[in-house]
Every structure is written in structure tokens, then in C-alpha cells.
C-alpha atoms as a PDB file:
ATOM      1  CA  MET A   1       5.169 -13.847   3.122  1.00  0.00           C
ATOM      2  CA  GLU A   2       5.016 -14.538  -0.588  1.00  0.00           C
ATOM      3  CA  LEU A   3       4.608 -11.286  -2.532  1.00  0.00           C
ATOM      4  CA  THR A   4       4.389 -12.879  -5.969  1.00  0.00           C
ATOM      5  CA  GLY A   5       1.226 -11.690  -7.633  1.00  0.00           C
ATOM      6  CA  ALA A   6       0.997  -8.429  -5.688  1.00  0.00           C
ATOM      7  CA  SER A   7      -0.433  -5.739  -7.942  1.00  0.00           C
ATOM      8  CA  TRP A   8       1.159  -2.469  -6.802  1.00  0.00           C
ATOM      9  CA  HIS A   9      -0.353   0.959  -7.404  1.00  0.00           C
ATOM     10  CA  THR A  10       0.218   4.524  -6.242  1.00  0.00           C
ATOM     11  CA  SER A  11      -2.314   7.177  -5.360  1.00  0.00           C
ATOM     12  CA  THR A  12      -3.898   9.052  -8.224  1.00  0.00           C
ATOM     13  CA  ARG A  13      -2.880  12.201  -6.329  1.00  0.00           C
ATOM     14  CA  SER A  14       0.797  11.286  -6.436  1.00  0.00           C
ATOM     15  CA  GLY A  15       2.592  13.385  -8.995  1.00  0.00           C
ATOM     16  CA  ASN A  16       6.253  13.409  -8.026  1.00  0.00           C
ATOM     17  CA  GLY A  17       6.924   9.684  -7.723  1.00  0.00           C
ATOM     18  CA  GLU A  18       7.950   9.924  -4.082  1.00  0.00           C
ATOM     19  CA  CYS A  19       5.131   8.109  -2.398  1.00  0.00           C
ATOM     20  CA  VAL A  20       3.976   4.750  -1.178  1.00  0.00           C
ATOM     21  CA  GLU A  21       2.694   1.898  -3.280  1.00  0.00           C
ATOM     22  CA  VAL A  22      -0.154  -0.307  -2.122  1.00  0.00           C
ATOM     23  CA  ALA A  23      -1.143  -3.833  -3.119  1.00  0.00           C
ATOM     24  CA  GLU A  24      -4.682  -4.819  -2.140  1.00  0.00           C
ATOM     25  CA  ASN A  25      -5.211  -7.820  -4.381  1.00  0.00           C
ATOM     26  CA  LEU A  26      -3.850 -10.607  -2.156  1.00  0.00           C
ATOM     27  CA  PRO A  27      -6.335 -12.363   0.139  1.00  0.00           C
ATOM     28  CA  GLY A  28      -6.426 -11.190   3.749  1.00  0.00           C
ATOM     29  CA  VAL A  29      -3.637  -8.628   3.558  1.00  0.00           C
ATOM     30  CA  VAL A  30      -2.813  -5.133   2.319  1.00  0.00           C
ATOM     31  CA  LEU A  31       0.839  -4.479   1.466  1.00  0.00           C
ATOM     32  CA  VAL A  32       2.562  -1.077   1.540  1.00  0.00           C
ATOM     33  CA  ARG A  33       6.053  -0.168   0.317  1.00  0.00           C
ATOM     34  CA  ASP A  34       8.168   2.858  -0.585  1.00  0.00           C
ATOM     35  CA  SER A  35       7.889   3.558  -4.318  1.00  0.00           C
ATOM     36  CA  LYS A  36      11.549   4.663  -4.411  1.00  0.00           C
ATOM     37  CA  ASP A  37      12.696   1.308  -2.981  1.00  0.00           C
ATOM     38  CA  PRO A  38      10.471  -1.430  -4.426  1.00  0.00           C
ATOM     39  CA  SER A  39      12.827  -4.193  -3.293  1.00  0.00           C
ATOM     40  CA  GLY A  40      12.959  -2.803   0.254  1.00  0.00           C
ATOM     41  CA  PRO A  41      10.802  -3.620   3.254  1.00  0.00           C
ATOM     42  CA  VAL A  42       7.061  -4.138   2.950  1.00  0.00           C
ATOM     43  CA  LEU A  43       4.521  -3.329   5.661  1.00  0.00           C
ATOM     44  CA  THR A  44       1.528  -5.637   6.003  1.00  0.00           C
ATOM     45  CA  PHE A  45      -1.890  -4.618   7.271  1.00  0.00           C
ATOM     46  CA  ASP A  46      -5.124  -6.364   8.007  1.00  0.00           C
ATOM     47  CA  PRO A  47      -7.622  -5.090   5.386  1.00  0.00           C
ATOM     48  CA  ARG A  48      -9.972  -3.748   8.101  1.00  0.00           C
ATOM     49  CA  ALA A  49      -7.131  -1.814   9.735  1.00  0.00           C
ATOM     50  CA  TRP A  50      -6.076  -0.406   6.352  1.00  0.00           C
ATOM     51  CA  ARG A  51      -9.621   0.768   5.556  1.00  0.00           C
ATOM     52  CA  ALA A  52      -9.865   2.407   8.981  1.00  0.00           C
ATOM     53  CA  PHE A  53      -6.539   4.182   8.390  1.00  0.00           C
ATOM     54  CA  ILE A  54      -7.670   5.460   4.991  1.00  0.00           C
ATOM     55  CA  GLU A  55     -11.009   6.679   6.364  1.00  0.00           C
ATOM     56  CA  ARG A  56      -9.327   8.538   9.222  1.00  0.00           C
ATOM     57  CA  THR A  57      -6.823  10.246   6.930  1.00  0.00           C
ATOM     58  CA  LYS A  58      -9.271  11.346   4.227  1.00  0.00           C
ATOM     59  CA  GLY A  59     -10.262  14.488   6.107  1.00  0.00           C
ATOM     60  CA  HIS A  60      -6.695  15.627   6.808  1.00  0.00           C
END
């Protein structure tokens, strides 16, 4: 998968720099990576699955 053009961001609640980064700007995919290892592996999610994950974790 071509990651060129991915716009990475971290949570606004992240304060220590040890978190995940998410790119949601590419069509049909949400990308997730470790902020401490930006050249490391990237997880890919279907946007619907990512939204469901976020909704389920908001209350925890």
C-alpha cells in the first residue's frame, strides 16, 4: 500500500508522545502506527471498522 500523502495525527489527549498516530485522509482506509516508530509497521482498517472501534472505546 502506498502511504505517500498520509496525514498523520495523534490524539489531542496524548501528552507524553508515546501513543499511536492515525491517518484518515486516504480514500477507503484508516492507517495506524506507533508514534515512536514512524517507519515501522502500519495497521490498516476499513473506515467503518475504525469508527466502530472508536465508538466502543469512548466510554472506557
